[in-house]
Amino acid sequence: MWFSAQKKMTEPPFVPREYVLKKQQFYQNIRKHTYLKGPYDKITSVAIPITLAVTALSMIGRGIYNMSHGIGKKE
C-alpha cells in the first residue's frame, strides 16, 4: 500500500504544542552545559558520582589500613 505524504494526522498529540514550544525555548536559551539543564540534573550528574567516588576511596583506604595492620585476616 502506498500512503500519500499529505495525509492529515487524525490522532491528537500527547502534549499540547504550546507546552512543547515553551520547553524548547527554555532549554535553548539556558546558558549551562547540556547535561546540567534540568532541575535535578545536578544531583544525578554531580552529587551521585562524587558520593560514589568518596565511598570507593574510603573503602580502598580502609582496605589498605587493614592489610598493613593485619586486621580481619582469616587464620
Protein backbone atom coordinates (compact mmCIF):
# COMPACT_ATOMS: atom_id res chain seq x y z
CA MET A 1 0.00 0.00 0.00
CA TRP A 2 1.22 3.45 -0.85
CA PHE A 3 0.39 6.25 1.53
CA SER A 4 0.35 9.84 0.42
CA ALA A 5 2.65 12.21 2.26
CA GLN A 6 -0.09 14.80 2.61
CA LYS A 7 -2.45 12.81 4.82
CA LYS A 8 -3.56 14.66 7.91
CA MET A 9 -2.99 13.16 11.32
CA THR A 10 -6.21 12.05 12.95
CA GLU A 11 -4.77 11.40 16.39
CA PRO A 12 -4.25 14.36 18.74
CA PRO A 13 -0.71 14.90 20.08
CA PHE A 14 0.24 13.63 23.54
CA VAL A 15 1.40 17.06 24.74
CA PRO A 16 -0.02 20.44 23.69
CA ARG A 17 2.09 22.30 21.15
CA GLU A 18 2.36 25.40 23.37
CA TYR A 19 3.90 23.34 26.17
CA VAL A 20 6.48 21.84 23.82
CA LEU A 21 7.39 25.27 22.43
CA LYS A 22 7.74 26.70 25.95
CA LYS A 23 10.08 23.86 26.98
CA GLN A 24 12.10 24.23 23.77
CA GLN A 25 12.59 27.94 24.40
CA PHE A 26 13.66 27.25 27.99
CA TYR A 27 16.27 24.65 27.03
CA GLN A 28 17.56 26.63 24.03
CA ASN A 29 18.03 29.88 25.95
CA ILE A 30 19.68 28.50 29.09
CA ARG A 31 23.44 29.07 29.32
CA LYS A 32 24.53 25.91 31.13
CA HIS A 33 26.13 22.72 29.88
CA THR A 34 23.77 20.36 28.10
CA TYR A 35 23.87 17.72 30.85
CA LEU A 36 23.04 20.26 33.61
CA LYS A 37 19.95 21.89 32.11
CA GLY A 38 17.21 20.11 34.01
CA PRO A 39 16.16 20.84 37.60
CA TYR A 40 17.50 17.54 39.01
CA ASP A 41 20.46 17.09 36.68
CA LYS A 42 22.95 18.49 39.18
CA ILE A 43 22.01 15.72 41.59
CA THR A 44 22.36 12.92 39.06
CA SER A 45 25.39 14.28 37.20
CA VAL A 46 27.45 15.71 40.06
CA ALA A 47 26.37 14.64 43.54
CA ILE A 48 25.88 10.91 42.94
CA PRO A 49 29.24 10.36 41.15
CA ILE A 50 31.09 12.34 43.83
CA THR A 51 29.41 10.26 46.54
CA LEU A 52 30.36 7.03 44.79
CA ALA A 53 33.97 8.19 44.36
CA VAL A 54 34.30 9.20 48.01
CA THR A 55 32.81 5.89 49.13
CA ALA A 56 35.13 3.89 46.89
CA LEU A 57 38.22 5.81 48.04
CA SER A 58 37.30 5.38 51.70
CA MET A 59 36.82 1.62 51.20
CA ILE A 60 40.18 1.39 49.43
CA GLY A 61 41.83 3.33 52.26
CA ARG A 62 40.24 1.10 54.86
CA GLY A 63 41.40 -1.99 52.99
CA ILE A 64 44.97 -0.72 52.79
CA TYR A 65 44.93 0.11 56.51
CA ASN A 66 43.55 -3.31 57.40
CA MET A 67 46.12 -5.09 55.23
CA SER A 68 49.03 -3.12 56.61
CA HIS A 69 47.99 -3.81 60.22
CA GLY A 70 46.86 -7.42 59.71
CA ILE A 71 43.28 -6.74 60.76
CA GLY A 72 40.49 -9.04 59.60
CA LYS A 73 42.58 -11.80 58.04
CA LYS A 74 41.46 -15.40 58.17
CA GLU A 75 43.54 -17.85 60.13
